[in-house]
Protein backbone atom coordinates (compact mmCIF):
# COMPACT_ATOMS: atom_id res chain seq x y z
CA MET A 1 2.49 67.78 -59.98
CA MET A 2 3.39 66.79 -63.37
CA ILE A 3 6.18 69.18 -65.56
CA SER A 4 4.77 70.32 -68.74
CA THR A 5 6.25 70.47 -71.96
CA VAL A 6 6.24 73.53 -74.34
CA ASP A 7 5.73 73.03 -78.42
CA PHE A 8 7.47 76.04 -80.43
CA ASP A 9 5.49 77.34 -83.50
CA PHE A 10 7.77 77.26 -86.30
CA GLU A 11 4.76 78.39 -88.82
CA ASP A 12 6.09 81.72 -89.60
CA GLU A 13 9.50 80.25 -91.22
CA GLU A 14 9.46 79.09 -95.11
CA TRP A 15 10.97 76.00 -95.46
CA THR A 16 12.33 74.66 -99.27
CA GLU A 17 12.92 70.69 -99.90
CA ASP A 18 16.94 72.01 -100.67
CA GLU A 19 17.27 73.50 -97.08
CA GLU A 20 18.52 71.09 -94.33
CA GLU A 21 15.84 69.27 -92.07
CA TYR A 22 14.89 71.05 -88.90
CA THR A 23 16.61 69.64 -85.90
CA ASP A 24 15.46 70.41 -82.39
CA ASN A 25 18.38 70.64 -79.79
CA VAL A 26 17.26 67.95 -78.05
CA VAL A 27 19.20 65.71 -79.93
CA LYS A 28 22.38 67.01 -78.83
CA ASP A 29 20.86 68.10 -75.35
CA PRO A 30 18.75 65.82 -73.47
CA ASP A 31 17.91 68.35 -70.95
CA PHE A 32 17.05 71.03 -73.45
CA THR A 33 13.19 70.62 -73.18
CA ILE A 34 13.22 69.92 -68.85
CA ARG A 35 15.52 73.60 -68.56
CA THR A 36 13.57 75.50 -70.99
CA THR A 37 10.07 74.65 -69.39
CA SER A 38 11.56 75.54 -65.87
CA THR A 39 12.76 79.06 -67.22
CA LEU A 40 9.34 79.46 -68.33
CA LEU A 41 7.48 78.44 -65.02
CA GLY A 42 10.06 81.09 -63.22
CA ARG A 43 10.86 77.72 -60.83
CA ASP A 44 13.84 75.43 -60.37
CA VAL A 45 13.04 71.48 -61.64
CA GLU A 46 14.76 70.47 -58.68
CA THR A 47 12.10 71.85 -55.84
CA TYR A 48 9.38 69.50 -58.22
CA GLY A 49 10.32 66.27 -56.71
CA VAL A 50 10.29 62.80 -57.49
CA ILE A 51 6.81 61.80 -59.57
CA THR A 52 6.80 57.93 -59.65
CA PRO A 53 4.92 56.40 -63.00
CA GLY A 54 1.41 55.74 -60.94
CA GLU A 55 1.49 59.59 -59.93
CA GLU A 56 1.90 60.91 -63.64
CA VAL A 57 -1.00 58.42 -65.33
CA PHE A 58 -3.17 60.29 -62.14
CA ASP A 59 -2.15 63.59 -62.83
CA HIS A 60 -2.54 63.00 -66.82
CA ASP A 61 -6.29 62.04 -66.26
CA MET A 62 -6.97 65.14 -64.31
CA GLN A 63 -8.35 68.19 -65.56
CA GLY A 64 -6.74 71.46 -65.09
CA GLY A 65 -5.11 70.54 -62.22
CA GLU A 66 -7.87 70.14 -60.02
CA GLU A 67 -7.71 67.55 -57.19
CA ASP A 68 -9.87 64.54 -57.42
CA ASP A 69 -13.21 65.33 -55.33
CA ASP A 70 -15.44 61.89 -54.40
CA ASP A 71 -18.44 63.54 -55.37
CA ASN A 72 -17.90 64.29 -58.95
CA ILE A 73 -20.32 63.19 -61.12
CA GLU A 74 -19.70 59.61 -62.56
CA PHE A 75 -21.19 59.59 -66.04
CA PRO A 76 -22.27 56.24 -67.89
CA ASP A 77 -20.44 54.08 -69.80
CA GLU A 78 -21.11 53.96 -73.44
CA VAL A 79 -23.71 51.55 -74.63
CA LYS A 80 -22.69 48.59 -76.21
CA VAL A 81 -23.41 45.75 -78.27
CA ASN A 82 -22.69 42.72 -76.84
CA HIS A 83 -25.05 40.19 -77.68
CA SER A 84 -27.91 40.36 -80.91
CA GLY A 85 -30.48 40.82 -78.67
CA ASP A 86 -29.10 43.90 -76.95
CA ILE A 87 -30.25 45.75 -80.12
CA LYS A 88 -32.31 43.74 -82.48
CA ASP A 89 -35.52 44.06 -79.87
CA GLU A 90 -34.22 47.67 -78.86
CA GLN A 91 -37.01 50.43 -80.51
CA CYS A 92 -35.44 52.82 -82.71
CA PHE A 93 -37.08 56.41 -84.00
CA ILE A 94 -36.21 59.84 -86.45
CA VAL A 95 -34.74 62.20 -83.86
CA TYR A 96 -34.18 66.04 -84.69
CA LYS A 97 -31.11 67.43 -83.20
CA LYS A 98 -32.53 70.58 -82.14
CA ASN A 99 -35.19 68.57 -80.42
CA LEU A 100 -32.87 66.66 -78.96
CA LEU A 101 -30.44 69.63 -77.74
CA GLN A 102 -33.72 71.25 -76.40
CA LEU A 103 -34.04 68.27 -73.96
CA VAL A 104 -30.75 68.00 -72.88
CA THR A 105 -31.17 71.76 -72.43
CA PHE A 106 -34.18 72.12 -70.76
CA LEU A 107 -32.83 69.09 -67.66
CA LEU A 108 -29.93 70.52 -67.48
CA HIS A 109 -31.95 74.05 -65.78
CA LEU A 110 -34.24 71.92 -63.94
CA PRO A 111 -35.10 72.71 -60.45
CA GLU A 112 -34.58 70.04 -58.27
CA GLU A 113 -38.76 70.71 -57.31
CA MET A 114 -41.11 71.95 -59.40
CA LYS A 115 -45.13 72.69 -58.54
CA CYS A 116 -47.30 71.04 -60.68
CA ARG A 117 -48.62 73.93 -63.43
CA GLU A 118 -52.27 73.16 -62.52
CA PRO A 119 -53.90 76.06 -60.38
CA GLU A 120 -55.13 73.63 -58.10
CA CYS A 121 -53.10 71.02 -57.65
CA THR A 122 -49.98 71.18 -54.70
CA SER A 123 -48.22 68.06 -55.33
CA THR A 124 -44.45 69.06 -55.45
CA VAL A 125 -42.17 66.73 -58.54
CA ARG A 126 -38.80 66.36 -59.84
CA LEU A 127 -38.87 65.74 -63.31
CA GLY A 128 -37.21 62.41 -62.96
CA PRO A 129 -35.19 59.74 -65.88
CA ASP A 130 -38.95 57.34 -66.01
CA PRO A 131 -41.03 59.83 -67.80
CA VAL A 132 -43.73 57.92 -69.70
CA THR A 133 -42.65 56.62 -73.35
CA LYS A 134 -44.79 56.61 -75.95
CA SER A 135 -44.22 56.08 -79.99
CA VAL A 136 -46.39 57.81 -82.14
CA GLY A 137 -45.63 57.34 -86.18
CA SER A 138 -41.27 57.28 -86.49
CA GLY A 139 -41.19 59.53 -83.49
CA MET A 140 -40.91 59.24 -78.94
CA VAL A 141 -42.72 61.14 -76.97
CA LEU A 142 -42.30 61.04 -73.16
CA LYS A 143 -44.38 62.71 -70.96
CA TRP A 144 -44.02 63.78 -67.42
CA TYR A 145 -47.05 63.98 -64.63
CA CYS A 146 -47.53 64.74 -61.11
CA SER A 147 -48.19 62.36 -58.61
CA ASP A 148 -52.05 63.06 -59.26
CA GLY A 149 -51.72 62.75 -62.73
CA HIS A 150 -52.03 65.73 -64.20
CA LEU A 151 -49.13 66.58 -67.35
CA LEU A 152 -46.50 68.58 -66.19
CA TRP A 153 -44.70 68.41 -69.87
CA ARG A 154 -45.02 66.72 -73.00
CA TRP A 155 -41.36 66.54 -75.26
CA CYS A 156 -41.56 64.94 -78.86
CA SER A 157 -38.63 63.68 -80.50
CA GLN A 158 -39.29 65.77 -83.70
CA PRO A 159 -40.90 69.06 -84.54
CA THR A 160 -44.35 69.52 -85.15
CA PHE A 161 -46.89 71.10 -87.74
CA LYS A 162 -49.68 73.59 -86.91
CA TYR A 163 -51.88 70.87 -86.23
CA GLY A 164 -49.62 68.35 -84.84
CA LEU A 165 -48.12 66.40 -87.66
CA GLN A 166 -44.59 65.25 -86.71
CA GLY A 167 -42.07 66.88 -89.42
CA GLY A 168 -40.39 63.38 -89.50
CA ASP A 169 -43.67 61.56 -90.64
CA PHE A 170 -44.29 64.35 -93.22
CA MET A 171 -40.49 64.26 -94.97
CA LEU A 172 -40.34 60.31 -94.28
CA SER A 173 -43.65 59.92 -96.23
CA SER A 174 -42.97 62.71 -99.02
CA SER A 175 -39.06 61.26 -99.76
CA LEU A 176 -41.02 58.13 -100.12
CA LEU A 177 -43.50 59.57 -102.74
CA LEU A 178 -40.55 61.85 -104.49
CA SER A 179 -38.06 59.06 -104.66
CA GLY A 180 -40.34 57.11 -106.33
CA ASN A 181 -39.46 54.71 -103.55
CA ASN A 182 -42.43 51.34 -102.43
CA TYR A 183 -44.44 51.91 -99.05
CA SER A 184 -44.67 48.63 -98.50
CA LYS A 185 -41.08 47.63 -98.98
CA ILE A 186 -40.19 50.88 -96.71
CA SER A 187 -41.86 50.08 -93.91
CA LEU A 188 -41.40 46.39 -93.79
CA MET A 189 -37.59 46.98 -93.97
CA PHE A 190 -38.18 49.79 -91.09
CA LYS A 191 -40.06 46.67 -89.45
CA PHE A 192 -36.83 44.72 -89.53
CA MET A 193 -34.98 47.47 -87.82
CA ASN A 194 -37.79 47.91 -85.36
CA LEU A 195 -37.61 51.26 -86.39
CA GLY A 196 -41.25 53.51 -85.83
CA CYS A 197 -42.73 54.47 -89.14
CA VAL A 198 -46.28 56.07 -90.35
CA CYS A 199 -49.04 53.95 -90.99
CA ASP A 200 -50.10 53.38 -94.47
CA SER A 201 -53.27 55.63 -93.88
CA THR A 202 -51.13 58.25 -92.62
CA PHE A 203 -49.46 58.26 -95.46
CA ARG A 204 -51.36 58.18 -97.70
CA LYS A 205 -53.37 61.10 -96.16
CA ILE A 206 -50.02 63.48 -96.37
CA GLN A 207 -49.85 62.38 -100.02
CA LEU A 208 -53.16 63.40 -101.12
CA GLN A 209 -53.63 66.63 -99.17
CA TYR A 210 -49.92 68.21 -99.68
CA CYS A 211 -47.22 66.10 -101.71
CA VAL A 212 -49.69 65.35 -105.10
CA PRO A 213 -51.03 68.35 -105.09
CA VAL A 214 -47.87 70.17 -104.96
CA ILE A 215 -46.07 67.86 -107.38
CA ASP A 216 -49.78 68.55 -109.76
CA ARG A 217 -48.98 72.57 -109.33
CA PHE A 218 -44.99 72.27 -110.67
CA TRP A 219 -45.81 69.89 -113.60
CA LYS A 220 -48.27 72.26 -115.24
CA ARG A 221 -45.48 75.33 -114.46
CA GLN A 222 -43.13 73.16 -116.60
CA LEU A 223 -45.52 72.41 -118.69
CA ASN A 224 -46.44 75.87 -118.99
CA ALA A 225 -43.14 76.52 -119.78
CA LEU A 226 -42.62 73.84 -122.61
CA ILE A 227 -45.53 74.36 -124.86
CA PRO A 228 -44.52 77.77 -126.09
CA GLU A 229 -40.98 76.87 -126.92
CA MET A 230 -42.25 74.03 -128.91
CA LYS A 231 -44.88 76.33 -130.69
CA ARG A 232 -41.71 78.60 -131.92
CA ARG A 233 -40.55 75.66 -133.80
CA ASN A 234 -41.50 74.25 -137.71
CA SER A 235 -42.52 70.48 -136.45
CA VAL A 236 -41.93 69.07 -133.60
CA VAL A 237 -41.67 64.96 -133.71
CA LEU A 238 -42.44 63.49 -130.23
CA LEU A 239 -41.27 59.95 -128.84
CA GLY A 240 -43.90 57.95 -126.77
CA ASP A 241 -44.64 55.02 -124.62
CA GLY A 242 -47.02 53.59 -122.15
CA ARG A 243 -46.38 51.32 -118.74
CA MET A 244 -48.67 49.09 -117.13
CA ASP A 245 -49.59 48.79 -113.71
CA SER A 246 -49.11 45.22 -113.39
CA PRO A 247 -48.14 42.48 -116.23
CA GLY A 248 -50.87 40.55 -118.36
CA HIS A 249 -54.65 41.25 -118.48
CA SER A 250 -54.71 42.19 -115.15
CA ALA A 251 -53.29 46.00 -115.69
CA GLN A 252 -56.46 47.76 -114.60
CA TYR A 253 -53.94 51.02 -115.15
CA CYS A 254 -51.99 51.99 -117.97
CA THR A 255 -49.58 55.43 -117.85
CA TYR A 256 -48.56 56.93 -121.18
CA THR A 257 -45.76 59.20 -121.43
CA VAL A 258 -44.42 61.93 -124.51
CA MET A 259 -41.35 63.14 -125.01
CA ASP A 260 -40.10 65.69 -126.82
CA GLU A 261 -37.49 63.90 -129.23
CA LYS A 262 -35.18 67.50 -129.34
CA THR A 263 -35.21 68.31 -125.72
CA ARG A 264 -35.69 64.92 -123.82
CA ALA A 265 -38.47 66.63 -121.81
CA ILE A 266 -41.50 65.35 -120.81
CA VAL A 267 -44.34 67.32 -122.64
CA ALA A 268 -47.45 64.47 -122.04
CA LEU A 269 -48.27 62.63 -119.12
CA GLU A 270 -51.63 60.27 -119.35
CA VAL A 271 -53.17 58.01 -116.69
CA VAL A 272 -56.08 55.91 -118.09
CA ASP A 273 -58.34 53.08 -116.44
CA LYS A 274 -59.13 50.49 -117.56
CA ARG A 275 -63.05 51.31 -116.57
CA GLU A 276 -61.98 54.57 -119.64
CA THR A 277 -61.62 51.29 -122.83
CA GLU A 278 -64.64 49.06 -121.46
CA ARG A 279 -61.81 47.07 -119.06
CA LYS A 280 -60.20 45.63 -121.91
CA SER A 281 -55.93 46.24 -120.97
CA ALA A 282 -55.15 45.51 -124.04
CA ILE A 283 -55.96 48.77 -125.79
CA MET A 284 -55.24 51.03 -122.59
CA GLU A 285 -51.81 51.98 -124.48
CA LYS A 286 -53.87 52.93 -127.42
CA LYS A 287 -56.14 55.09 -125.77
CA GLY A 288 -53.19 57.40 -123.26
CA PHE A 289 -51.83 57.77 -127.04
CA GLU A 290 -54.73 59.18 -128.13
CA LYS A 291 -55.38 61.46 -125.32
CA ALA A 292 -51.75 62.66 -125.01
CA MET A 293 -51.86 63.75 -128.80
CA ASP A 294 -55.58 65.29 -128.14
CA SER A 295 -53.98 67.66 -125.48
CA LEU A 296 -50.64 68.40 -127.30
CA LEU A 297 -53.26 69.60 -130.33
CA GLU A 298 -55.13 71.34 -129.07
CA ALA A 299 -52.60 73.41 -127.53
CA ASP A 300 -51.29 74.13 -130.88
CA VAL A 301 -48.34 72.18 -130.74
CA PRO A 302 -46.76 71.45 -134.30
CA VAL A 303 -46.45 68.09 -134.15
CA ARG A 304 -45.01 66.49 -137.46
CA GLY A 305 -44.18 62.83 -136.57
CA GLY A 306 -44.45 60.43 -133.19
CA VAL A 307 -43.20 56.45 -132.46
CA HIS A 308 -45.68 54.67 -130.45
C-alpha cells in the first residue's frame, strides 16, 4: 500500500508582494508531510511496512487501490505513423461528432448475441468489429449483415437529410460556393489526401437546387433595401467594371458589377453571354454596363454619372 500526501489549500489567504514568501514546514521538518498524513489516515506510519521502488511504480499505475486483474481489458495502442505508406494509402472521411458518439454508445451496450430483424429469419448474430464498409461521397457507411444476408444495422459517419443527402456533402458543396473556392482545385486536394469528396455532378446539383436559389433571394432582399436609400438622395455616383471568365477573345461570359461610390455597396450585377453580342467578346462589357444602367434607371435611381 502507498503513502499518500495531502496538499493544503491557501486560496482563501491573500498575499501581497511586500509580504515574505510563504515557507512550508517541510523545510524545517523533513518528516512533516509523513506525520501529517499519518494523522489524517488515523494509523501509525510505521505499520505500513517498507515499500520498494518497484512496488511504488506498480501502485501508481493502479487505479483507486484496486488489485491487478488478469482479466482486465487491454486497450489498443494509439495508431501511429512509422512509414509514409502507413498514412498515404489510408482512406479518410468527414465524420461528425454526434454520429461518432452514437456509434460508440450503441456498440458499448450491445448484447453478446441478437436476433435478425427479419421476421422469418432465425439466425442469431453478433455485431462484430468487421462490418462491410463503403465510401459515399465525403462520408463512410458501415453495414452489418446476418448469416443469411439480411441487413441488421447501417451507420453513417454524417447526419443525413430527409431524402438521404449527407450533411457533410451538403456543407462541403455549399462552403465551396460561398467561400469562392474552385471545385476542381478542392477535389484535387482531397484526392492527394485520399479524403472522400462529393463528385462533380453532386456538387452541381446541390449548388443549383439549394445554394443558388437562397443566394438569389438574399441578393434581391439586399437590393430592395439599397434602392430606396439611393432614391432618397439628390444624385448617385456609380462605379462599374466587367470581368471575363477567361482571358482574350475566347471569353464566353462577362460579369458586370456596379458599386455605389458613397456606401461602397454593390447595387447591380449583370451576367452577359457572348451569344447576346453576336459572339463578340470585345463588346460584352459594354452590354453589361447597359443592362445594369437600365435596371437602375427603371428603379428611378438618380444616377448623376459613372466611371466605366
